[in-house]
Amino acid sequence: MNRAQIGVLEQSHQVCLRHLLQRRHDKALEPQVRLEVLRDLANEPLERQLVDRQLSALLILSDLPEHHGSGPKAASESVPG
């Protein structure tokens, strides 16, 4: 073998090795992305529960009137009759 043939073989092996490493690297990253997406989706209901709890705490602390409807009571409702 002469130097030109050895150089071509080395370059082709480097190219093959580079492609192999890229494929392995791409496959290694793909599950991490999927886990990230699944983790975010799994936490979504927990975040909603936290918001619901915070909102219900605000409603309890605001001491809302205990009558049906919105706004102040009508005069006829507050007069005993």
N, C-alpha and C. Protein backbone atom coordinates (compact mmCIF):
# COMPACT_ATOMS: atom_id res chain seq x y z
N MET A 1 0.85 -1.18 0.00
CA MET A 1 0.00 0.00 0.00
C MET A 1 0.89 1.24 0.00
N ASN A 2 0.48 2.20 -0.74
CA ASN A 2 1.23 3.45 -0.71
C ASN A 2 0.53 4.44 0.21
N ARG A 3 1.16 5.59 0.40
CA ARG A 3 0.64 6.58 1.35
C ARG A 3 -0.72 7.13 0.92
N ALA A 4 -0.96 7.26 -0.36
CA ALA A 4 -2.25 7.78 -0.83
C ALA A 4 -3.38 6.84 -0.46
N GLN A 5 -3.16 5.53 -0.62
CA GLN A 5 -4.20 4.56 -0.26
C GLN A 5 -4.45 4.56 1.24
N ILE A 6 -3.39 4.65 2.03
CA ILE A 6 -3.54 4.68 3.49
C ILE A 6 -4.31 5.94 3.91
N GLY A 7 -3.98 7.07 3.27
CA GLY A 7 -4.67 8.31 3.59
C GLY A 7 -6.16 8.23 3.29
N VAL A 8 -6.50 7.61 2.15
CA VAL A 8 -7.91 7.47 1.78
C VAL A 8 -8.63 6.56 2.76
N LEU A 9 -8.01 5.47 3.15
CA LEU A 9 -8.62 4.55 4.12
C LEU A 9 -8.83 5.23 5.47
N GLU A 10 -7.83 5.99 5.91
CA GLU A 10 -7.98 6.69 7.20
C GLU A 10 -9.11 7.71 7.14
N GLN A 11 -9.20 8.44 6.05
CA GLN A 11 -10.26 9.44 5.92
C GLN A 11 -11.64 8.78 5.88
N SER A 12 -11.74 7.68 5.16
CA SER A 12 -13.05 7.01 5.09
C SER A 12 -13.44 6.44 6.44
N HIS A 13 -12.47 5.93 7.21
CA HIS A 13 -12.77 5.44 8.56
C HIS A 13 -13.19 6.60 9.47
N GLN A 14 -12.55 7.75 9.31
CA GLN A 14 -12.91 8.91 10.14
C GLN A 14 -14.34 9.37 9.82
N VAL A 15 -14.67 9.36 8.53
CA VAL A 15 -16.01 9.76 8.13
C VAL A 15 -17.04 8.78 8.69
N CYS A 16 -16.74 7.49 8.57
CA CYS A 16 -17.66 6.47 9.10
C CYS A 16 -17.80 6.60 10.61
N LEU A 17 -16.68 6.81 11.29
CA LEU A 17 -16.72 6.95 12.74
C LEU A 17 -17.50 8.21 13.14
N ARG A 18 -17.30 9.29 12.41
CA ARG A 18 -18.01 10.53 12.71
C ARG A 18 -19.52 10.34 12.55
N HIS A 19 -19.94 9.68 11.48
CA HIS A 19 -21.37 9.43 11.27
C HIS A 19 -21.93 8.50 12.35
N LEU A 20 -21.15 7.50 12.73
CA LEU A 20 -21.60 6.60 13.79
C LEU A 20 -21.78 7.36 15.11
N LEU A 21 -20.82 8.21 15.43
CA LEU A 21 -20.92 8.98 16.67
C LEU A 21 -22.08 9.96 16.62
N GLN A 22 -22.31 10.56 15.47
CA GLN A 22 -23.45 11.48 15.34
C GLN A 22 -24.77 10.75 15.53
N ARG A 23 -24.88 9.57 14.96
CA ARG A 23 -26.12 8.80 15.13
C ARG A 23 -26.32 8.41 16.58
N ARG A 24 -25.26 7.98 17.22
CA ARG A 24 -25.39 7.62 18.64
C ARG A 24 -25.75 8.84 19.47
N HIS A 25 -25.12 9.96 19.14
CA HIS A 25 -25.40 11.20 19.88
C HIS A 25 -26.85 11.63 19.66
N ASP A 26 -27.33 11.57 18.44
CA ASP A 26 -28.71 11.94 18.14
C ASP A 26 -29.70 11.03 18.87
N LYS A 27 -29.41 9.75 18.89
CA LYS A 27 -30.31 8.81 19.58
C LYS A 27 -30.27 9.03 21.09
N ALA A 28 -29.11 9.42 21.61
CA ALA A 28 -29.01 9.66 23.04
C ALA A 28 -29.78 10.90 23.45
N LEU A 29 -29.85 11.90 22.58
CA LEU A 29 -30.56 13.13 22.93
C LEU A 29 -32.07 13.00 22.76
N GLU A 30 -32.51 12.18 21.88
CA GLU A 30 -33.94 12.08 21.59
C GLU A 30 -34.76 11.68 22.82
N PRO A 31 -34.39 10.65 23.58
CA PRO A 31 -35.20 10.31 24.77
C PRO A 31 -35.22 11.42 25.81
N GLN A 32 -34.14 12.19 25.93
CA GLN A 32 -34.12 13.28 26.90
C GLN A 32 -35.17 14.32 26.55
N VAL A 33 -35.32 14.60 25.29
CA VAL A 33 -36.34 15.56 24.86
C VAL A 33 -37.72 15.01 25.16
N ARG A 34 -37.94 13.77 24.91
CA ARG A 34 -39.24 13.16 25.20
C ARG A 34 -39.52 13.18 26.70
N LEU A 35 -38.51 12.90 27.50
CA LEU A 35 -38.72 12.92 28.95
C LEU A 35 -39.05 14.33 29.41
N GLU A 36 -38.44 15.31 28.82
CA GLU A 36 -38.72 16.69 29.19
C GLU A 36 -40.17 17.04 28.89
N VAL A 37 -40.64 16.67 27.74
CA VAL A 37 -42.02 16.96 27.35
C VAL A 37 -42.98 16.21 28.26
N LEU A 38 -42.72 14.95 28.53
CA LEU A 38 -43.60 14.17 29.39
C LEU A 38 -43.59 14.71 30.82
N ARG A 39 -42.43 15.17 31.26
CA ARG A 39 -42.35 15.70 32.61
C ARG A 39 -43.19 16.97 32.72
N ASP A 40 -43.13 17.83 31.73
CA ASP A 40 -43.94 19.05 31.76
C ASP A 40 -45.42 18.71 31.76
N LEU A 41 -45.83 17.74 30.97
CA LEU A 41 -47.23 17.36 30.92
C LEU A 41 -47.67 16.72 32.24
N ALA A 42 -46.78 15.98 32.87
CA ALA A 42 -47.13 15.34 34.13
C ALA A 42 -47.29 16.37 35.24
N ASN A 43 -46.55 17.47 35.19
CA ASN A 43 -46.64 18.49 36.23
C ASN A 43 -47.81 19.44 36.02
N GLU A 44 -48.39 19.45 34.85
CA GLU A 44 -49.46 20.39 34.54
C GLU A 44 -50.65 20.26 35.50
N PRO A 45 -51.17 19.05 35.78
CA PRO A 45 -52.30 18.95 36.74
C PRO A 45 -51.92 19.44 38.13
N LEU A 46 -50.67 19.20 38.55
CA LEU A 46 -50.24 19.66 39.86
C LEU A 46 -50.23 21.18 39.93
N GLU A 47 -49.78 21.81 38.85
CA GLU A 47 -49.79 23.27 38.83
C GLU A 47 -51.22 23.80 38.88
N ARG A 48 -52.13 23.14 38.17
CA ARG A 48 -53.52 23.56 38.19
C ARG A 48 -54.11 23.42 39.59
N GLN A 49 -53.76 22.34 40.28
CA GLN A 49 -54.26 22.14 41.64
C GLN A 49 -53.77 23.25 42.56
N LEU A 50 -52.51 23.65 42.38
CA LEU A 50 -51.96 24.72 43.21
C LEU A 50 -52.70 26.02 42.95
N VAL A 51 -52.95 26.34 41.70
CA VAL A 51 -53.69 27.56 41.37
C VAL A 51 -55.10 27.48 41.95
N ASP A 52 -55.76 26.33 41.85
CA ASP A 52 -57.10 26.18 42.41
C ASP A 52 -57.09 26.40 43.92
N ARG A 53 -56.09 25.87 44.59
CA ARG A 53 -56.00 26.05 46.05
C ARG A 53 -55.79 27.52 46.40
N GLN A 54 -54.91 28.19 45.64
CA GLN A 54 -54.65 29.59 45.92
C GLN A 54 -55.91 30.43 45.69
N LEU A 55 -56.63 30.13 44.64
CA LEU A 55 -57.86 30.87 44.33
C LEU A 55 -58.92 30.62 45.40
N SER A 56 -59.07 29.38 45.83
CA SER A 56 -60.08 29.09 46.85
C SER A 56 -59.70 29.75 48.17
N ALA A 57 -58.41 29.84 48.47
CA ALA A 57 -57.99 30.52 49.70
C ALA A 57 -58.33 32.00 49.63
N LEU A 58 -58.16 32.61 48.46
CA LEU A 58 -58.52 34.02 48.31
C LEU A 58 -60.02 34.22 48.47
N LEU A 59 -60.81 33.32 47.93
CA LEU A 59 -62.26 33.44 48.06
C LEU A 59 -62.70 33.30 49.50
N ILE A 60 -62.08 32.41 50.24
CA ILE A 60 -62.44 32.22 51.64
C ILE A 60 -62.04 33.44 52.45
N LEU A 61 -60.85 33.98 52.19
CA LEU A 61 -60.37 35.14 52.94
C LEU A 61 -61.16 36.40 52.62
N SER A 62 -61.77 36.48 51.46
CA SER A 62 -62.48 37.70 51.09
C SER A 62 -63.83 37.82 51.80
N ASP A 63 -64.30 36.78 52.48
CA ASP A 63 -65.54 36.80 53.26
C ASP A 63 -66.70 37.31 52.42
N LEU A 64 -66.98 36.60 51.37
CA LEU A 64 -68.06 36.97 50.46
C LEU A 64 -69.41 36.80 51.14
N PRO A 65 -70.39 37.64 50.78
CA PRO A 65 -71.73 37.50 51.37
C PRO A 65 -72.32 36.13 51.02
N GLU A 66 -73.12 35.63 51.92
CA GLU A 66 -73.68 34.30 51.73
C GLU A 66 -75.11 34.37 51.22
N HIS A 67 -75.36 35.10 50.15
CA HIS A 67 -76.69 35.10 49.54
C HIS A 67 -76.53 34.83 48.06
N HIS A 68 -77.61 34.39 47.46
CA HIS A 68 -77.58 34.06 46.04
C HIS A 68 -77.61 35.33 45.21
N GLY A 69 -76.85 35.36 44.16
CA GLY A 69 -76.84 36.51 43.28
C GLY A 69 -75.66 37.41 43.56
N SER A 70 -75.50 38.39 42.71
CA SER A 70 -74.36 39.29 42.87
C SER A 70 -74.86 40.65 43.33
N GLY A 71 -73.98 41.42 43.88
CA GLY A 71 -74.33 42.77 44.31
C GLY A 71 -74.89 42.79 45.72
N PRO A 72 -75.22 43.98 46.20
CA PRO A 72 -75.74 44.09 47.58
C PRO A 72 -77.17 43.56 47.66
N LYS A 73 -77.57 43.25 48.88
CA LYS A 73 -78.93 42.75 49.10
C LYS A 73 -79.93 43.88 48.88
N ALA A 74 -81.07 43.52 48.39
CA ALA A 74 -82.14 44.51 48.21
C ALA A 74 -82.74 44.85 49.57
N ALA A 75 -83.36 46.01 49.67
CA ALA A 75 -83.94 46.45 50.93
C ALA A 75 -85.02 45.50 51.41
N SER A 76 -85.77 44.91 50.49
CA SER A 76 -86.84 44.00 50.89
C SER A 76 -86.30 42.72 51.49
N GLU A 77 -85.07 42.36 51.16
CA GLU A 77 -84.49 41.14 51.72
C GLU A 77 -84.04 41.35 53.15
N SER A 78 -83.62 42.56 53.49
CA SER A 78 -83.08 42.78 54.83
C SER A 78 -84.16 43.16 55.85
N VAL A 79 -85.36 43.49 55.40
CA VAL A 79 -86.45 43.84 56.32
C VAL A 79 -87.15 42.56 56.76
N PRO A 80 -87.23 42.31 58.10
CA PRO A 80 -87.93 41.10 58.53
C PRO A 80 -89.42 41.25 58.27
N GLY A 81 -90.01 40.20 57.83
CA GLY A 81 -91.38 40.40 57.47
C GLY A 81 -92.23 39.29 57.72
